Amino acid sequence: MRRLGIRDRHWTAVPGKPVSGWNSLTHTEQAIAELVAQGLNNKQVAGRMYLSPHTVAHHLRQAFRKLSIASRVELTRIVIERT
């Protein structure tokens, strides 16, 4: 189906969307970042968002990569600065 142009990959880049910084995060990544900034661990975030802890960890890794950070503390600082 992809060869026929009927179905794109779900990770196809959106034209004009930034590749780094807060605006490059998906809505899910932003929501997870905000919950992490409130002090929740991955299991707690997963429970609130009806996701698995593994999925939460994946979204956090993606957010860390896009924001060029390496810790939850840095993520919290970014979220607080945005509010």
C-alpha atoms as a PDB file:
ATOM      1  CA  MET A   1       0.000   0.000   0.000  1.00  0.00           C
ATOM      2  CA  ARG A   2       2.883   2.367   0.723  1.00  0.00           C
ATOM      3  CA  ARG A   3       4.358   1.735  -2.739  1.00  0.00           C
ATOM      4  CA  LEU A   4       1.012   2.714  -4.251  1.00  0.00           C
ATOM      5  CA  GLY A   5       0.922   5.933  -2.218  1.00  0.00           C
ATOM      6  CA  ILE A   6      -2.186   4.859  -0.314  1.00  0.00           C
ATOM      7  CA  ARG A   7      -0.566   4.731   3.105  1.00  0.00           C
ATOM      8  CA  ASP A   8       2.269   6.864   4.446  1.00  0.00           C
ATOM      9  CA  ARG A   9       4.424   5.919   7.346  1.00  0.00           C
ATOM     10  CA  HIS A  10       3.053   7.403  10.542  1.00  0.00           C
ATOM     11  CA  TRP A  11       6.416   8.998  11.305  1.00  0.00           C
ATOM     12  CA  THR A  12       6.600  11.014   8.113  1.00  0.00           C
ATOM     13  CA  ALA A  13       7.904  14.502   8.873  1.00  0.00           C
ATOM     14  CA  VAL A  14       5.371  17.301   8.796  1.00  0.00           C
ATOM     15  CA  PRO A  15       6.534  20.077   6.440  1.00  0.00           C
ATOM     16  CA  GLY A  16       7.351  23.262   8.329  1.00  0.00           C
ATOM     17  CA  LYS A  17       7.388  21.601  11.766  1.00  0.00           C
ATOM     18  CA  PRO A  18      10.578  22.277  13.745  1.00  0.00           C
ATOM     19  CA  VAL A  19      12.903  19.342  14.375  1.00  0.00           C
ATOM     20  CA  SER A  20      14.124  20.568  17.755  1.00  0.00           C
ATOM     21  CA  GLY A  21      12.855  22.664  20.646  1.00  0.00           C
ATOM     22  CA  TRP A  22       9.525  22.603  22.485  1.00  0.00           C
ATOM     23  CA  ASN A  23       7.442  23.123  19.350  1.00  0.00           C
ATOM     24  CA  SER A  24       8.949  19.998  17.804  1.00  0.00           C
ATOM     25  CA  LEU A  25       7.413  17.827  20.540  1.00  0.00           C
ATOM     26  CA  THR A  26       4.208  15.961  19.813  1.00  0.00           C
ATOM     27  CA  HIS A  27       1.157  16.673  21.964  1.00  0.00           C
ATOM     28  CA  THR A  28       1.780  13.418  23.810  1.00  0.00           C
ATOM     29  CA  GLU A  29       5.421  14.300  24.464  1.00  0.00           C
ATOM     30  CA  GLN A  30       4.394  17.714  25.779  1.00  0.00           C
ATOM     31  CA  ALA A  31       1.728  16.201  28.049  1.00  0.00           C
ATOM     32  CA  ILE A  32       4.213  13.679  29.433  1.00  0.00           C
ATOM     33  CA  ALA A  33       6.802  16.431  29.968  1.00  0.00           C
ATOM     34  CA  GLU A  34       4.283  18.481  31.942  1.00  0.00           C
ATOM     35  CA  LEU A  35       3.407  15.522  34.176  1.00  0.00           C
ATOM     36  CA  VAL A  36       7.088  14.727  34.738  1.00  0.00           C
ATOM     37  CA  ALA A  37       7.627  18.372  35.702  1.00  0.00           C
ATOM     38  CA  GLN A  38       4.953  17.890  38.389  1.00  0.00           C
ATOM     39  CA  GLY A  39       7.165  15.193  39.907  1.00  0.00           C
ATOM     40  CA  LEU A  40       5.438  12.068  38.623  1.00  0.00           C
ATOM     41  CA  ASN A  41       7.478   8.982  37.779  1.00  0.00           C
ATOM     42  CA  ASN A  42       6.986   6.989  34.566  1.00  0.00           C
ATOM     43  CA  LYS A  43       4.565   4.529  36.170  1.00  0.00           C
ATOM     44  CA  GLN A  44       2.405   7.359  37.539  1.00  0.00           C
ATOM     45  CA  VAL A  45       2.429   9.177  34.193  1.00  0.00           C
ATOM     46  CA  ALA A  46       1.488   5.925  32.458  1.00  0.00           C
ATOM     47  CA  GLY A  47      -1.462   5.457  34.803  1.00  0.00           C
ATOM     48  CA  ARG A  48      -2.768   8.961  34.202  1.00  0.00           C
ATOM     49  CA  MET A  49      -2.409   8.768  30.433  1.00  0.00           C
ATOM     50  CA  TYR A  50      -3.523   5.139  29.994  1.00  0.00           C
ATOM     51  CA  LEU A  51      -0.174   4.179  28.467  1.00  0.00           C
ATOM     52  CA  SER A  52       2.416   1.600  29.408  1.00  0.00           C
ATOM     53  CA  PRO A  53       5.488   2.761  31.353  1.00  0.00           C
ATOM     54  CA  HIS A  54       7.552   1.562  28.377  1.00  0.00           C
ATOM     55  CA  THR A  55       5.632   3.912  26.055  1.00  0.00           C
ATOM     56  CA  VAL A  56       6.114   6.804  28.494  1.00  0.00           C
ATOM     57  CA  ALA A  57       9.862   6.089  28.576  1.00  0.00           C
ATOM     58  CA  HIS A  58       9.950   6.109  24.766  1.00  0.00           C
ATOM     59  CA  HIS A  59       8.199   9.489  24.578  1.00  0.00           C
ATOM     60  CA  LEU A  60      10.572  10.886  27.205  1.00  0.00           C
ATOM     61  CA  ARG A  61      13.601   9.711  25.233  1.00  0.00           C
ATOM     62  CA  GLN A  62      12.204  11.400  22.131  1.00  0.00           C
ATOM     63  CA  ALA A  63      11.559  14.621  24.067  1.00  0.00           C
ATOM     64  CA  PHE A  64      15.061  14.561  25.569  1.00  0.00           C
ATOM     65  CA  ARG A  65      16.536  14.115  22.081  1.00  0.00           C
ATOM     66  CA  LYS A  66      14.474  16.938  20.560  1.00  0.00           C
ATOM     67  CA  LEU A  67      15.271  19.273  23.452  1.00  0.00           C
ATOM     68  CA  SER A  68      18.965  18.259  23.590  1.00  0.00           C
ATOM     69  CA  ILE A  69      18.752  17.469  27.293  1.00  0.00           C
ATOM     70  CA  ALA A  70      19.694  14.481  29.430  1.00  0.00           C
ATOM     71  CA  SER A  71      17.673  14.700  32.647  1.00  0.00           C
ATOM     72  CA  ARG A  72      14.228  15.128  34.133  1.00  0.00           C
ATOM     73  CA  VAL A  73      15.556  18.157  36.037  1.00  0.00           C
ATOM     74  CA  GLU A  74      16.390  19.919  32.766  1.00  0.00           C
ATOM     75  CA  LEU A  75      12.987  18.951  31.387  1.00  0.00           C
ATOM     76  CA  THR A  76      11.287  20.402  34.461  1.00  0.00           C
ATOM     77  CA  ARG A  77      13.231  23.665  34.055  1.00  0.00           C
ATOM     78  CA  ILE A  78      12.066  23.954  30.436  1.00  0.00           C
ATOM     79  CA  VAL A  79       8.425  23.289  31.356  1.00  0.00           C
ATOM     80  CA  ILE A  80       8.519  25.831  34.195  1.00  0.00           C
ATOM     81  CA  GLU A  81      10.089  28.476  31.942  1.00  0.00           C
ATOM     82  CA  ARG A  82       7.249  27.977  29.444  1.00  0.00           C
ATOM     83  CA  THR A  83       4.564  28.783  32.037  1.00  0.00           C
END
